[in-house]
Amino acid sequence: MSNENVQVHTPGGAPGYVYEWLADQLAARIEAGELPVHCPLPNERTLAEEYGVSLGTARHATRVLRARGLVVTVRSKGTYVAQRPATGG
């Protein structure tokens, strides 16, 4: 049975899903410019090891980032930080 959909106290101490916490951590790194546009995201296995989560949780977090439009996945190439649309006025 997978634990990725179990609500827990995340490493930040707040209740929530671990995959959401991980997606938020990665989104913050993207927003801060630590992971710039077109930069490859660490692979899911590396993310799982770095953050101490399961591979399934890392995969789920990557799907969340894709749904948010923060990353794009190129088959057989990897996952990259997406170009953000310009907000103009």
PDB file of N, CA and C in Angstrom:
ATOM      1  N   MET A   1       0.840  -1.183   0.000  1.00  0.00           N
ATOM      2  CA  MET A   1       0.000   0.000   0.000  1.00  0.00           C
ATOM      3  C   MET A   1       0.878   1.236   0.000  1.00  0.00           C
ATOM      4  N   SER A   2       0.561   2.213  -0.852  1.00  0.00           N
ATOM      5  CA  SER A   2       1.328   3.450  -0.955  1.00  0.00           C
ATOM      6  C   SER A   2       0.924   4.417   0.142  1.00  0.00           C
ATOM      7  N   ASN A   3       1.910   5.127   0.685  1.00  0.00           N
ATOM      8  CA  ASN A   3       1.647   6.103   1.725  1.00  0.00           C
ATOM      9  C   ASN A   3       1.586   7.518   1.192  1.00  0.00           C
ATOM     10  N   GLU A   4       1.716   7.730  -0.122  1.00  0.00           N
ATOM     11  CA  GLU A   4       1.815   9.079  -0.643  1.00  0.00           C
ATOM     12  C   GLU A   4       0.525   9.871  -0.494  1.00  0.00           C
ATOM     13  N   ASN A   5      -0.619   9.214  -0.341  1.00  0.00           N
ATOM     14  CA  ASN A   5      -1.881   9.922  -0.180  1.00  0.00           C
ATOM     15  C   ASN A   5      -2.343   9.974   1.265  1.00  0.00           C
ATOM     16  N   VAL A   6      -1.471   9.618   2.184  1.00  0.00           N
ATOM     17  CA  VAL A   6      -1.792   9.670   3.596  1.00  0.00           C
ATOM     18  C   VAL A   6      -1.477  11.066   4.108  1.00  0.00           C
ATOM     19  N   GLN A   7      -2.447  11.664   4.795  1.00  0.00           N
ATOM     20  CA  GLN A   7      -2.205  12.992   5.350  1.00  0.00           C
ATOM     21  C   GLN A   7      -1.366  12.830   6.610  1.00  0.00           C
ATOM     22  N   VAL A   8      -0.284  13.571   6.663  1.00  0.00           N
ATOM     23  CA  VAL A   8       0.662  13.478   7.769  1.00  0.00           C
ATOM     24  C   VAL A   8       1.100  14.887   8.153  1.00  0.00           C
ATOM     25  N   HIS A   9       1.926  14.974   9.177  1.00  0.00           N
ATOM     26  CA  HIS A   9       2.590  16.236   9.469  1.00  0.00           C
ATOM     27  C   HIS A   9       3.837  16.250   8.608  1.00  0.00           C
ATOM     28  N   THR A  10       3.888  17.192   7.695  1.00  0.00           N
ATOM     29  CA  THR A  10       4.999  17.283   6.758  1.00  0.00           C
ATOM     30  C   THR A  10       6.259  17.730   7.491  1.00  0.00           C
ATOM     31  N   PRO A  11       7.414  17.616   6.831  1.00  0.00           N
ATOM     32  CA  PRO A  11       8.654  18.031   7.485  1.00  0.00           C
ATOM     33  C   PRO A  11       8.617  19.469   8.002  1.00  0.00           C
ATOM     34  N   GLY A  12       7.776  20.319   7.439  1.00  0.00           N
ATOM     35  CA  GLY A  12       7.629  21.684   7.938  1.00  0.00           C
ATOM     36  C   GLY A  12       6.751  21.758   9.180  1.00  0.00           C
ATOM     37  N   GLY A  13       6.115  20.645   9.547  1.00  0.00           N
ATOM     38  CA  GLY A  13       5.307  20.587  10.756  1.00  0.00           C
ATOM     39  C   GLY A  13       3.811  20.740  10.541  1.00  0.00           C
ATOM     40  N   ALA A  14       3.404  21.195   9.354  1.00  0.00           N
ATOM     41  CA  ALA A  14       1.981  21.400   9.088  1.00  0.00           C
ATOM     42  C   ALA A  14       1.361  20.106   8.577  1.00  0.00           C
ATOM     43  N   PRO A  15       0.072  19.894   8.883  1.00  0.00           N
ATOM     44  CA  PRO A  15      -0.579  18.706   8.323  1.00  0.00           C
ATOM     45  C   PRO A  15      -0.768  18.878   6.821  1.00  0.00           C
ATOM     46  N   GLY A  16      -0.646  17.799   6.099  1.00  0.00           N
ATOM     47  CA  GLY A  16      -0.822  17.845   4.653  1.00  0.00           C
ATOM     48  C   GLY A  16      -0.273  16.588   4.023  1.00  0.00           C
ATOM     49  N   TYR A  17      -0.281  16.571   2.708  1.00  0.00           N
ATOM     50  CA  TYR A  17       0.243  15.428   1.968  1.00  0.00           C
ATOM     51  C   TYR A  17       1.709  15.678   1.652  1.00  0.00           C
ATOM     52  N   VAL A  18       2.513  14.659   1.797  1.00  0.00           N
ATOM     53  CA  VAL A  18       3.950  14.807   1.590  1.00  0.00           C
ATOM     54  C   VAL A  18       4.257  15.213   0.152  1.00  0.00           C
ATOM     55  N   TYR A  19       3.522  14.683  -0.821  1.00  0.00           N
ATOM     56  CA  TYR A  19       3.801  15.046  -2.210  1.00  0.00           C
ATOM     57  C   TYR A  19       3.519  16.525  -2.455  1.00  0.00           C
ATOM     58  N   GLU A  20       2.493  17.089  -1.779  1.00  0.00           N
ATOM     59  CA  GLU A  20       2.219  18.521  -1.917  1.00  0.00           C
ATOM     60  C   GLU A  20       3.340  19.347  -1.285  1.00  0.00           C
ATOM     61  N   TRP A  21       3.812  18.894  -0.122  1.00  0.00           N
ATOM     62  CA  TRP A  21       4.920  19.578   0.540  1.00  0.00           C
ATOM     63  C   TRP A  21       6.146  19.588  -0.374  1.00  0.00           C
ATOM     64  N   LEU A  22       6.454  18.445  -0.977  1.00  0.00           N
ATOM     65  CA  LEU A  22       7.617  18.358  -1.854  1.00  0.00           C
ATOM     66  C   LEU A  22       7.424  19.248  -3.080  1.00  0.00           C
ATOM     67  N   ALA A  23       6.245  19.226  -3.679  1.00  0.00           N
ATOM     68  CA  ALA A  23       5.977  20.091  -4.832  1.00  0.00           C
ATOM     69  C   ALA A  23       6.149  21.556  -4.438  1.00  0.00           C
ATOM     70  N   ASP A  24       5.683  21.929  -3.256  1.00  0.00           N
ATOM     71  CA  ASP A  24       5.834  23.313  -2.789  1.00  0.00           C
ATOM     72  C   ASP A  24       7.304  23.663  -2.577  1.00  0.00           C
ATOM     73  N   GLN A  25       8.090  22.727  -2.051  1.00  0.00           N
ATOM     74  CA  GLN A  25       9.523  22.965  -1.859  1.00  0.00           C
ATOM     75  C   GLN A  25      10.210  23.207  -3.201  1.00  0.00           C
ATOM     76  N   LEU A  26       9.893  22.384  -4.182  1.00  0.00           N
ATOM     77  CA  LEU A  26      10.497  22.528  -5.506  1.00  0.00           C
ATOM     78  C   LEU A  26      10.012  23.798  -6.198  1.00  0.00           C
ATOM     79  N   ALA A  27       8.732  24.128  -6.031  1.00  0.00           N
ATOM     80  CA  ALA A  27       8.198  25.359  -6.611  1.00  0.00           C
ATOM     81  C   ALA A  27       8.914  26.571  -6.021  1.00  0.00           C
ATOM     82  N   ALA A  28       9.197  26.535  -4.737  1.00  0.00           N
ATOM     83  CA  ALA A  28       9.911  27.644  -4.095  1.00  0.00           C
ATOM     84  C   ALA A  28      11.322  27.775  -4.669  1.00  0.00           C
ATOM     85  N   ARG A  29      11.968  26.652  -4.929  1.00  0.00           N
ATOM     86  CA  ARG A  29      13.309  26.688  -5.537  1.00  0.00           C
ATOM     87  C   ARG A  29      13.247  27.267  -6.944  1.00  0.00           C
ATOM     88  N   ILE A  30      12.193  26.952  -7.682  1.00  0.00           N
ATOM     89  CA  ILE A  30      12.018  27.496  -9.028  1.00  0.00           C
ATOM     90  C   ILE A  30      11.773  28.998  -8.944  1.00  0.00           C
ATOM     91  N   GLU A  31      10.858  29.400  -8.074  1.00  0.00           N
ATOM     92  CA  GLU A  31      10.531  30.829  -7.936  1.00  0.00           C
ATOM     93  C   GLU A  31      11.741  31.644  -7.480  1.00  0.00           C
ATOM     94  N   ALA A  32      12.597  31.061  -6.650  1.00  0.00           N
ATOM     95  CA  ALA A  32      13.781  31.760  -6.149  1.00  0.00           C
ATOM     96  C   ALA A  32      14.900  31.824  -7.185  1.00  0.00           C
ATOM     97  N   GLY A  33      14.733  31.096  -8.298  1.00  0.00           N
ATOM     98  CA  GLY A  33      15.754  31.087  -9.333  1.00  0.00           C
ATOM     99  C   GLY A  33      16.852  30.068  -9.098  1.00  0.00           C
ATOM    100  N   GLU A  34      16.714  29.288  -8.048  1.00  0.00           N
ATOM    101  CA  GLU A  34      17.693  28.226  -7.780  1.00  0.00           C
ATOM    102  C   GLU A  34      17.653  27.164  -8.873  1.00  0.00           C
ATOM    103  N   LEU A  35      16.462  26.974  -9.432  1.00  0.00           N
ATOM    104  CA  LEU A  35      16.270  26.091 -10.589  1.00  0.00           C
ATOM    105  C   LEU A  35      15.742  26.980 -11.709  1.00  0.00           C
ATOM    106  N   PRO A  36      16.632  27.542 -12.542  1.00  0.00           N
ATOM    107  CA  PRO A  36      16.197  28.494 -13.572  1.00  0.00           C
ATOM    108  C   PRO A  36      15.490  27.821 -14.749  1.00  0.00           C
ATOM    109  N   VAL A  37      14.863  28.656 -15.575  1.00  0.00           N
ATOM    110  CA  VAL A  37      14.160  28.187 -16.767  1.00  0.00           C
ATOM    111  C   VAL A  37      15.093  27.329 -17.618  1.00  0.00           C
ATOM    112  N   HIS A  38      14.559  26.254 -18.125  1.00  0.00           N
ATOM    113  CA  HIS A  38      15.250  25.268 -18.971  1.00  0.00           C
ATOM    114  C   HIS A  38      16.239  24.396 -18.198  1.00  0.00           C
ATOM    115  N   CYS A  39      16.368  24.609 -16.907  1.00  0.00           N
ATOM    116  CA  CYS A  39      17.255  23.791 -16.071  1.00  0.00           C
ATOM    117  C   CYS A  39      16.588  22.434 -15.851  1.00  0.00           C
ATOM    118  N   PRO A  40      17.362  21.356 -15.943  1.00  0.00           N
ATOM    119  CA  PRO A  40      16.747  20.054 -15.658  1.00  0.00           C
ATOM    120  C   PRO A  40      16.445  19.923 -14.171  1.00  0.00           C
ATOM    121  N   LEU A  41      15.293  19.405 -13.879  1.00  0.00           N
ATOM    122  CA  LEU A  41      14.926  19.078 -12.511  1.00  0.00           C
ATOM    123  C   LEU A  41      15.698  17.818 -12.135  1.00  0.00           C
ATOM    124  N   PRO A  42      16.161  17.699 -10.893  1.00  0.00           N
ATOM    125  CA  PRO A  42      16.793  16.425 -10.511  1.00  0.00           C
ATOM    126  C   PRO A  42      15.820  15.275 -10.794  1.00  0.00           C
ATOM    127  N   ASN A  43      16.361  14.125 -11.165  1.00  0.00           N
ATOM    128  CA  ASN A  43      15.461  13.011 -11.468  1.00  0.00           C
ATOM    129  C   ASN A  43      14.725  12.572 -10.201  1.00  0.00           C
ATOM    130  N   GLU A  44      13.651  11.827 -10.391  1.00  0.00           N
ATOM    131  CA  GLU A  44      12.775  11.467  -9.276  1.00  0.00           C
ATOM    132  C   GLU A  44      13.491  10.660  -8.201  1.00  0.00           C
ATOM    133  N   ARG A  45      14.391   9.793  -8.603  1.00  0.00           N
ATOM    134  CA  ARG A  45      15.140   9.007  -7.622  1.00  0.00           C
ATOM    135  C   ARG A  45      16.019   9.912  -6.767  1.00  0.00           C
ATOM    136  N   THR A  46      16.661  10.890  -7.396  1.00  0.00           N
ATOM    137  CA  THR A  46      17.503  11.840  -6.664  1.00  0.00           C
ATOM    138  C   THR A  46      16.644  12.682  -5.722  1.00  0.00           C
ATOM    139  N   LEU A  47      15.482  13.135  -6.190  1.00  0.00           N
ATOM    140  CA  LEU A  47      14.585  13.914  -5.331  1.00  0.00           C
ATOM    141  C   LEU A  47      14.155  13.097  -4.122  1.00  0.00           C
ATOM    142  N   ALA A  48      13.812  11.826  -4.360  1.00  0.00           N
ATOM    143  CA  ALA A  48      13.386  10.964  -3.260  1.00  0.00           C
ATOM    144  C   ALA A  48      14.494  10.834  -2.218  1.00  0.00           C
ATOM    145  N   GLU A  49      15.715  10.634  -2.670  1.00  0.00           N
ATOM    146  CA  GLU A  49      16.834  10.498  -1.744  1.00  0.00           C
ATOM    147  C   GLU A  49      17.135  11.815  -1.035  1.00  0.00           C
ATOM    148  N   GLU A  50      17.144  12.913  -1.793  1.00  0.00           N
ATOM    149  CA  GLU A  50      17.471  14.231  -1.234  1.00  0.00           C
ATOM    150  C   GLU A  50      16.478  14.662  -0.158  1.00  0.00           C
ATOM    151  N   TYR A  51      15.194  14.382  -0.395  1.00  0.00           N
ATOM    152  CA  TYR A  51      14.159  14.830   0.529  1.00  0.00           C
ATOM    153  C   TYR A  51      13.686  13.739   1.483  1.00  0.00           C
ATOM    154  N   GLY A  52      14.223  12.538   1.357  1.00  0.00           N
ATOM    155  CA  GLY A  52      13.864  11.458   2.270  1.00  0.00           C
ATOM    156  C   GLY A  52      12.427  10.987   2.115  1.00  0.00           C
ATOM    157  N   VAL A  53      11.960  10.915   0.857  1.00  0.00           N
ATOM    158  CA  VAL A  53      10.597  10.463   0.575  1.00  0.00           C
ATOM    159  C   VAL A  53      10.660   9.254  -0.342  1.00  0.00           C
ATOM    160  N   SER A  54       9.523   8.626  -0.562  1.00  0.00           N
ATOM    161  CA  SER A  54       9.489   7.471  -1.459  1.00  0.00           C
ATOM    162  C   SER A  54       9.565   7.937  -2.914  1.00  0.00           C
ATOM    163  N   LEU A  55       9.943   7.023  -3.785  1.00  0.00           N
ATOM    164  CA  LEU A  55       9.987   7.312  -5.212  1.00  0.00           C
ATOM    165  C   LEU A  55       8.593   7.695  -5.724  1.00  0.00           C
ATOM    166  N   GLY A  56       7.553   7.024  -5.244  1.00  0.00           N
ATOM    167  CA  GLY A  56       6.187   7.352  -5.642  1.00  0.00           C
ATOM    168  C   GLY A  56       5.797   8.769  -5.251  1.00  0.00           C
ATOM    169  N   THR A  57       6.237   9.199  -4.087  1.00  0.00           N
ATOM    170  CA  THR A  57       5.952  10.563  -3.637  1.00  0.00           C
ATOM    171  C   THR A  57       6.663  11.568  -4.526  1.00  0.00           C
ATOM    172  N   ALA A  58       7.914  11.289  -4.890  1.00  0.00           N
ATOM    173  CA  ALA A  58       8.659  12.178  -5.779  1.00  0.00           C
ATOM    174  C   ALA A  58       7.978  12.251  -7.147  1.00  0.00           C
ATOM    175  N   ARG A  59       7.494  11.121  -7.638  1.00  0.00           N
ATOM    176  CA  ARG A  59       6.786  11.110  -8.925  1.00  0.00           C
ATOM    177  C   ARG A  59       5.510  11.934  -8.852  1.00  0.00           C
ATOM    178  N   HIS A  60       4.770  11.764  -7.762  1.00  0.00           N
ATOM    179  CA  HIS A  60       3.525  12.499  -7.594  1.00  0.00           C
ATOM    180  C   HIS A  60       3.800  14.004  -7.529  1.00  0.00           C
ATOM    181  N   ALA A  61       4.840  14.406  -6.819  1.00  0.00           N
ATOM    182  CA  ALA A  61       5.204  15.825  -6.727  1.00  0.00           C
ATOM    183  C   ALA A  61       5.559  16.382  -8.103  1.00  0.00           C
ATOM    184  N   THR A  62       6.249  15.589  -8.913  1.00  0.00           N
ATOM    185  CA  THR A  62       6.594  16.025 -10.267  1.00  0.00           C
ATOM    186  C   THR A  62       5.331  16.216 -11.104  1.00  0.00           C
ATOM    187  N   ARG A  63       4.358  15.329 -10.942  1.00  0.00           N
ATOM    188  CA  ARG A  63       3.082  15.485 -11.657  1.00  0.00           C
ATOM    189  C   ARG A  63       2.368  16.766 -11.231  1.00  0.00           C
ATOM    190  N   VAL A  64       2.427  17.089  -9.943  1.00  0.00           N
ATOM    191  CA  VAL A  64       1.812  18.323  -9.444  1.00  0.00           C
ATOM    192  C   VAL A  64       2.486  19.529 -10.084  1.00  0.00           C
ATOM    193  N   LEU A  65       3.810  19.525 -10.148  1.00  0.00           N
ATOM    194  CA  LEU A  65       4.531  20.640 -10.769  1.00  0.00           C
ATOM    195  C   LEU A  65       4.169  20.776 -12.248  1.00  0.00           C
ATOM    196  N   ARG A  66       4.012  19.643 -12.925  1.00  0.00           N
ATOM    197  CA  ARG A  66       3.607  19.666 -14.335  1.00  0.00           C
ATOM    198  C   ARG A  66       2.216  20.274 -14.461  1.00  0.00           C
ATOM    199  N   ALA A  67       1.301  19.884 -13.581  1.00  0.00           N
ATOM    200  CA  ALA A  67      -0.066  20.407 -13.610  1.00  0.00           C
ATOM    201  C   ALA A  67      -0.088  21.912 -13.318  1.00  0.00           C
ATOM    202  N   ARG A  68       0.834  22.376 -12.509  1.00  0.00           N
ATOM    203  CA  ARG A  68       0.932  23.809 -12.196  1.00  0.00           C
ATOM    204  C   ARG A  68       1.614  24.597 -13.316  1.00  0.00           C
ATOM    205  N   GLY A  69       2.151  23.889 -14.305  1.00  0.00           N
ATOM    206  CA  GLY A  69       2.824  24.553 -15.415  1.00  0.00           C
ATOM    207  C   GLY A  69       4.232  25.006 -15.094  1.00  0.00           C
ATOM    208  N   LEU A  70       4.811  24.470 -14.020  1.00  0.00           N
ATOM    209  CA  LEU A  70       6.160  24.879 -13.619  1.00  0.00           C
ATOM    210  C   LEU A  70       7.247  24.069 -14.295  1.00  0.00           C
ATOM    211  N   VAL A  71       6.926  22.856 -14.729  1.00  0.00           N
ATOM    212  CA  VAL A  71       7.905  22.008 -15.394  1.00  0.00           C
ATOM    213  C   VAL A  71       7.272  21.334 -16.602  1.00  0.00           C
ATOM    214  N   VAL A  72       8.119  20.910 -17.522  1.00  0.00           N
ATOM    215  CA  VAL A  72       7.689  20.108 -18.662  1.00  0.00           C
ATOM    216  C   VAL A  72       8.565  18.868 -18.706  1.00  0.00           C
ATOM    217  N   THR A  73       7.991  17.759 -19.113  1.00  0.00           N
ATOM    218  CA  THR A  73       8.739  16.521 -19.221  1.00  0.00           C
ATOM    219  C   THR A  73       8.884  16.160 -20.693  1.00  0.00           C
ATOM    220  N   VAL A  74      10.105  15.898 -21.094  1.00  0.00           N
ATOM    221  CA  VAL A  74      10.405  15.491 -22.457  1.00  0.00           C
ATOM    222  C   VAL A  74      10.768  14.011 -22.385  1.00  0.00           C
ATOM    223  N   ARG A  75      10.001  13.194 -23.054  1.00  0.00           N
ATOM    224  CA  ARG A  75      10.207  11.748 -22.996  1.00  0.00           C
ATOM    225  C   ARG A  75      11.642  11.382 -23.359  1.00  0.00           C
ATOM    226  N   SER A  76      12.235  10.541 -22.558  1.00  0.00           N
ATOM    227  CA  SER A  76      13.605  10.042 -22.717  1.00  0.00           C
ATOM    228  C   SER A  76      14.665  11.117 -22.512  1.00  0.00           C
ATOM    229  N   LYS A  77      14.259  12.315 -22.111  1.00  0.00           N
ATOM    230  CA  LYS A  77      15.224  13.394 -21.883  1.00  0.00           C
ATOM    231  C   LYS A  77      15.235  13.852 -20.431  1.00  0.00           C
ATOM    232  N   GLY A  78      14.050  13.995 -19.833  1.00  0.00           N
ATOM    233  CA  GLY A  78      13.982  14.456 -18.458  1.00  0.00           C
ATOM    234  C   GLY A  78      12.912  15.502 -18.261  1.00  0.00           C
ATOM    235  N   THR A  79      12.927  16.082 -17.081  1.00  0.00           N
ATOM    236  CA  THR A  79      11.961  17.104 -16.709  1.00  0.00           C
ATOM    237  C   THR A  79      12.710  18.407 -16.518  1.00  0.00           C
ATOM    238  N   TYR A  80      12.171  19.471 -17.099  1.00  0.00           N
ATOM    239  CA  TYR A  80      12.852  20.768 -17.112  1.00  0.00           C
ATOM    240  C   TYR A  80      11.938  21.861 -16.590  1.00  0.00           C
ATOM    241  N   VAL A  81      12.542  22.885 -16.008  1.00  0.00           N
ATOM    242  CA  VAL A  81      11.788  24.051 -15.565  1.00  0.00           C
ATOM    243  C   VAL A  81      11.208  24.731 -16.797  1.00  0.00           C
ATOM    244  N   ALA A  82       9.914  25.009 -16.749  1.00  0.00           N
ATOM    245  CA  ALA A  82       9.201  25.570 -17.900  1.00  0.00           C
ATOM    246  C   ALA A  82       9.422  27.072 -18.010  1.00  0.00           C
ATOM    247  N   GLN A  83       9.341  27.545 -19.246  1.00  0.00           N
ATOM    248  CA  GLN A  83       9.350  28.977 -19.513  1.00  0.00           C
ATOM    249  C   GLN A  83       8.043  29.539 -18.968  1.00  0.00           C
ATOM    250  N   ARG A  84       8.115  30.533 -18.129  1.00  0.00           N
ATOM    251  CA  ARG A  84       6.906  31.140 -17.567  1.00  0.00           C
ATOM    252  C   ARG A  84       6.386  32.204 -18.519  1.00  0.00           C
ATOM    253  N   PRO A  85       5.088  32.238 -18.749  1.00  0.00           N
ATOM    254  CA  PRO A  85       4.547  33.286 -19.622  1.00  0.00           C
ATOM    255  C   PRO A  85       4.777  34.649 -18.989  1.00  0.00           C
ATOM    256  N   ALA A  86       5.113  35.616 -19.824  1.00  0.00           N
ATOM    257  CA  ALA A  86       5.341  36.977 -19.336  1.00  0.00           C
ATOM    258  C   ALA A  86       4.014  37.572 -18.894  1.00  0.00           C
ATOM    259  N   THR A  87       4.044  38.223 -17.753  1.00  0.00           N
ATOM    260  CA  THR A  87       2.864  38.941 -17.296  1.00  0.00           C
ATOM    261  C   THR A  87       3.062  40.395 -17.650  1.00  0.00           C
ATOM    262  N   GLY A  88       2.242  40.865 -18.510  1.00  0.00           N
ATOM    263  CA  GLY A  88       2.415  42.230 -19.001  1.00  0.00           C
ATOM    264  C   GLY A  88       1.298  43.138 -18.545  1.00  0.00           C
ATOM    265  N   GLY A  89       1.534  44.393 -18.765  1.00  0.00           N
ATOM    266  CA  GLY A  89       0.515  45.335 -18.379  1.00  0.00           C
ATOM    267  C   GLY A  89       0.504  46.514 -19.289  1.00  0.00           C
TER     268      GLY A  89
END
